[in-house]
Amino acid sequence: MKIQIEISEENESTSFPYWLILDPSQNMRADIHILAGQITGPFFSREEAEAELTSRRYSYGKKAKVYCHSGYNSRQYKRLINEAKEKTE
């Protein structure tokens, strides 16, 4: 399956950006399932992630924030972004 996405270039100086909503809660046992439940995304712009957090605020804890991550270590994501940049230059 192939998809086409638009990635924001307003990326907070992060290469190959994507955004997540991080919703921290206590996880004393370092349980991977609890950790996975604290992450929502990916989103491909801060605006998109902020809109989700704002419109469904009731689904998230008061400490939930949008965070910009780098997809630099994802070979496929990095390759596809580089190819798209080359086509637009």
N, C-alpha and C. Protein backbone atom coordinates (compact mmCIF):
# COMPACT_ATOMS: atom_id res chain seq x y z
N MET A 1 0.85 -1.17 0.00
CA MET A 1 0.00 0.00 0.00
C MET A 1 0.90 1.23 0.00
N LYS A 2 0.56 2.22 -0.80
CA LYS A 2 1.27 3.48 -0.82
C LYS A 2 0.32 4.58 -0.40
N ILE A 3 0.88 5.56 0.32
CA ILE A 3 0.10 6.74 0.68
C ILE A 3 0.92 7.97 0.31
N GLN A 4 0.24 9.07 0.17
CA GLN A 4 0.91 10.33 -0.10
C GLN A 4 0.55 11.28 1.03
N ILE A 5 1.57 11.93 1.62
CA ILE A 5 1.33 12.85 2.72
C ILE A 5 2.03 14.18 2.45
N GLU A 6 1.54 15.22 3.07
CA GLU A 6 2.18 16.52 3.00
C GLU A 6 2.81 16.78 4.36
N ILE A 7 4.10 17.10 4.36
CA ILE A 7 4.84 17.31 5.60
C ILE A 7 5.15 18.78 5.74
N SER A 8 4.85 19.33 6.90
CA SER A 8 5.12 20.73 7.16
C SER A 8 6.62 20.99 7.13
N GLU A 9 7.00 22.11 6.53
CA GLU A 9 8.41 22.50 6.53
C GLU A 9 8.73 23.38 7.72
N GLU A 10 7.73 23.72 8.51
CA GLU A 10 7.94 24.44 9.77
C GLU A 10 8.21 23.39 10.83
N ASN A 11 9.48 23.05 10.98
CA ASN A 11 9.81 21.85 11.71
C ASN A 11 10.70 22.04 12.93
N GLU A 12 10.81 23.24 13.43
CA GLU A 12 11.55 23.47 14.67
C GLU A 12 13.00 22.99 14.57
N SER A 13 13.59 23.18 13.40
CA SER A 13 14.99 22.80 13.13
C SER A 13 15.26 21.31 13.30
N THR A 14 14.27 20.50 13.01
CA THR A 14 14.40 19.05 13.10
C THR A 14 14.38 18.47 11.70
N SER A 15 15.35 17.62 11.40
CA SER A 15 15.36 17.01 10.08
C SER A 15 14.36 15.85 10.03
N PHE A 16 13.70 15.71 8.89
CA PHE A 16 12.74 14.63 8.66
C PHE A 16 11.68 14.57 9.77
N PRO A 17 10.96 15.70 9.96
CA PRO A 17 10.09 15.83 11.14
C PRO A 17 8.79 15.04 11.06
N TYR A 18 8.31 14.71 12.22
CA TYR A 18 6.94 14.25 12.45
C TYR A 18 6.61 14.62 13.88
N TRP A 19 5.33 14.73 14.17
CA TRP A 19 4.90 15.19 15.48
C TRP A 19 4.07 14.11 16.16
N LEU A 20 4.20 14.05 17.47
CA LEU A 20 3.42 13.13 18.29
C LEU A 20 2.79 13.91 19.43
N ILE A 21 1.68 13.40 19.93
CA ILE A 21 1.14 13.90 21.18
C ILE A 21 1.65 12.95 22.26
N LEU A 22 2.39 13.50 23.21
CA LEU A 22 2.90 12.72 24.33
C LEU A 22 2.06 13.05 25.55
N ASP A 23 1.52 12.04 26.16
CA ASP A 23 0.59 12.19 27.29
C ASP A 23 1.14 11.41 28.49
N PRO A 24 2.10 12.02 29.21
CA PRO A 24 2.79 11.29 30.27
C PRO A 24 1.89 10.92 31.44
N SER A 25 2.11 9.72 31.94
CA SER A 25 1.47 9.28 33.18
C SER A 25 2.46 8.36 33.89
N GLN A 26 2.22 8.13 35.13
CA GLN A 26 3.14 7.31 35.92
C GLN A 26 3.21 5.89 35.37
N ASN A 27 4.42 5.39 35.24
CA ASN A 27 4.65 4.08 34.66
C ASN A 27 5.80 3.42 35.43
N MET A 28 5.55 3.12 36.69
CA MET A 28 6.59 2.62 37.59
C MET A 28 7.19 1.29 37.12
N ARG A 29 6.41 0.45 36.45
CA ARG A 29 6.91 -0.85 36.01
C ARG A 29 7.58 -0.79 34.65
N ALA A 30 7.63 0.38 34.06
CA ALA A 30 8.17 0.55 32.71
C ALA A 30 7.47 -0.42 31.75
N ASP A 31 6.15 -0.46 31.84
CA ASP A 31 5.33 -1.35 31.01
C ASP A 31 5.20 -0.76 29.60
N ILE A 32 5.61 -1.50 28.61
CA ILE A 32 5.59 -1.03 27.23
C ILE A 32 4.18 -0.72 26.74
N HIS A 33 3.18 -1.44 27.23
CA HIS A 33 1.80 -1.20 26.82
C HIS A 33 1.27 0.12 27.39
N ILE A 34 1.67 0.44 28.61
CA ILE A 34 1.30 1.73 29.19
C ILE A 34 1.99 2.84 28.41
N LEU A 35 3.26 2.66 28.12
CA LEU A 35 4.01 3.66 27.35
C LEU A 35 3.37 3.90 25.98
N ALA A 36 3.00 2.84 25.29
CA ALA A 36 2.38 2.98 23.96
C ALA A 36 1.07 3.77 24.05
N GLY A 37 0.34 3.62 25.14
CA GLY A 37 -0.91 4.35 25.32
C GLY A 37 -0.70 5.83 25.61
N GLN A 38 0.54 6.24 25.83
CA GLN A 38 0.85 7.64 26.11
C GLN A 38 1.27 8.41 24.85
N ILE A 39 1.24 7.73 23.71
CA ILE A 39 1.71 8.32 22.45
C ILE A 39 0.59 8.27 21.41
N THR A 40 0.33 9.41 20.78
CA THR A 40 -0.66 9.47 19.70
C THR A 40 0.02 10.10 18.49
N GLY A 41 -0.16 9.51 17.34
CA GLY A 41 0.43 10.06 16.12
C GLY A 41 0.85 8.93 15.22
N PRO A 42 1.52 9.20 14.17
CA PRO A 42 2.21 10.45 13.86
C PRO A 42 1.29 11.47 13.18
N PHE A 43 1.73 12.70 13.30
CA PHE A 43 1.12 13.82 12.58
C PHE A 43 2.23 14.43 11.75
N PHE A 44 1.89 15.12 10.68
CA PHE A 44 2.91 15.62 9.79
C PHE A 44 2.98 17.14 9.76
N SER A 45 2.38 17.76 10.79
CA SER A 45 2.56 19.19 11.06
C SER A 45 2.18 19.42 12.52
N ARG A 46 2.79 20.45 13.10
CA ARG A 46 2.43 20.81 14.48
C ARG A 46 0.97 21.21 14.54
N GLU A 47 0.50 21.94 13.51
CA GLU A 47 -0.88 22.41 13.49
C GLU A 47 -1.86 21.24 13.54
N GLU A 48 -1.58 20.20 12.79
CA GLU A 48 -2.46 19.03 12.78
C GLU A 48 -2.51 18.36 14.16
N ALA A 49 -1.36 18.22 14.79
CA ALA A 49 -1.31 17.60 16.12
C ALA A 49 -1.99 18.48 17.17
N GLU A 50 -1.74 19.80 17.10
CA GLU A 50 -2.38 20.73 18.05
C GLU A 50 -3.90 20.73 17.88
N ALA A 51 -4.37 20.63 16.63
CA ALA A 51 -5.82 20.58 16.39
C ALA A 51 -6.43 19.34 17.03
N GLU A 52 -5.76 18.20 16.92
CA GLU A 52 -6.24 16.97 17.57
C GLU A 52 -6.28 17.14 19.08
N LEU A 53 -5.20 17.66 19.63
CA LEU A 53 -5.13 17.83 21.09
C LEU A 53 -6.20 18.80 21.57
N THR A 54 -6.40 19.88 20.85
CA THR A 54 -7.40 20.88 21.25
C THR A 54 -8.83 20.36 21.10
N SER A 55 -9.11 19.73 19.96
CA SER A 55 -10.49 19.31 19.71
C SER A 55 -10.91 18.10 20.54
N ARG A 56 -9.96 17.32 21.01
CA ARG A 56 -10.28 16.15 21.82
C ARG A 56 -9.55 16.19 23.16
N ARG A 57 -9.45 17.38 23.72
CA ARG A 57 -8.70 17.59 24.95
C ARG A 57 -9.16 16.64 26.06
N TYR A 58 -10.44 16.32 26.06
CA TYR A 58 -10.99 15.41 27.08
C TYR A 58 -10.35 14.02 27.05
N SER A 59 -9.73 13.66 25.94
CA SER A 59 -9.11 12.33 25.81
C SER A 59 -7.68 12.29 26.33
N TYR A 60 -7.14 13.45 26.69
CA TYR A 60 -5.73 13.54 27.09
C TYR A 60 -5.61 14.12 28.49
N GLY A 61 -4.52 13.76 29.15
CA GLY A 61 -4.24 14.30 30.47
C GLY A 61 -3.80 15.75 30.38
N LYS A 62 -3.76 16.43 31.54
CA LYS A 62 -3.42 17.85 31.54
C LYS A 62 -1.96 18.12 31.18
N LYS A 63 -1.11 17.11 31.24
CA LYS A 63 0.31 17.28 30.89
C LYS A 63 0.61 16.93 29.43
N ALA A 64 -0.38 16.56 28.67
CA ALA A 64 -0.16 16.17 27.27
C ALA A 64 0.37 17.35 26.46
N LYS A 65 1.35 17.08 25.62
CA LYS A 65 1.96 18.11 24.77
C LYS A 65 2.25 17.54 23.40
N VAL A 66 2.34 18.44 22.43
CA VAL A 66 2.78 18.07 21.08
C VAL A 66 4.29 18.20 21.05
N TYR A 67 4.94 17.20 20.47
CA TYR A 67 6.40 17.17 20.44
C TYR A 67 6.86 16.84 19.02
N CYS A 68 7.84 17.58 18.53
CA CYS A 68 8.40 17.35 17.20
C CYS A 68 9.58 16.37 17.32
N HIS A 69 9.51 15.31 16.54
CA HIS A 69 10.56 14.29 16.52
C HIS A 69 11.24 14.29 15.16
N SER A 70 12.40 13.66 15.10
CA SER A 70 13.11 13.50 13.84
C SER A 70 12.99 12.06 13.36
N GLY A 71 12.66 11.91 12.08
CA GLY A 71 12.61 10.59 11.48
C GLY A 71 13.94 10.22 10.82
N TYR A 72 15.01 10.87 11.24
CA TYR A 72 16.32 10.68 10.63
C TYR A 72 16.74 9.22 10.58
N ASN A 73 16.41 8.45 11.60
CA ASN A 73 16.84 7.05 11.65
C ASN A 73 15.94 6.10 10.88
N SER A 74 14.86 6.60 10.31
CA SER A 74 13.99 5.77 9.48
C SER A 74 14.46 5.89 8.03
N ARG A 75 15.12 4.88 7.55
CA ARG A 75 15.69 4.94 6.19
C ARG A 75 14.64 5.25 5.13
N GLN A 76 13.49 4.59 5.23
CA GLN A 76 12.45 4.79 4.21
C GLN A 76 11.88 6.20 4.25
N TYR A 77 11.56 6.69 5.44
CA TYR A 77 11.01 8.04 5.59
C TYR A 77 12.02 9.07 5.09
N LYS A 78 13.27 8.91 5.49
CA LYS A 78 14.33 9.82 5.08
C LYS A 78 14.51 9.81 3.56
N ARG A 79 14.54 8.64 2.96
CA ARG A 79 14.70 8.51 1.51
C ARG A 79 13.56 9.19 0.76
N LEU A 80 12.33 8.94 1.21
CA LEU A 80 11.16 9.52 0.54
C LEU A 80 11.15 11.04 0.64
N ILE A 81 11.51 11.58 1.77
CA ILE A 81 11.57 13.04 1.92
C ILE A 81 12.66 13.61 1.02
N ASN A 82 13.82 12.99 1.02
CA ASN A 82 14.90 13.47 0.15
C ASN A 82 14.51 13.42 -1.32
N GLU A 83 13.84 12.36 -1.74
CA GLU A 83 13.40 12.25 -3.14
C GLU A 83 12.39 13.34 -3.48
N ALA A 84 11.47 13.62 -2.55
CA ALA A 84 10.47 14.67 -2.79
C ALA A 84 11.14 16.03 -2.87
N LYS A 85 12.14 16.28 -2.03
CA LYS A 85 12.85 17.56 -2.08
C LYS A 85 13.58 17.74 -3.41
N GLU A 86 14.20 16.66 -3.89
CA GLU A 86 14.92 16.73 -5.17
C GLU A 86 13.97 17.06 -6.32
N LYS A 87 12.76 16.53 -6.28
CA LYS A 87 11.78 16.79 -7.34
C LYS A 87 11.31 18.24 -7.34
N THR A 88 11.29 18.88 -6.19
CA THR A 88 10.81 20.27 -6.10
C THR A 88 11.91 21.29 -6.34
N GLU A 89 13.13 20.86 -6.35
CA GLU A 89 14.25 21.82 -6.56
C GLU A 89 14.54 22.04 -8.02
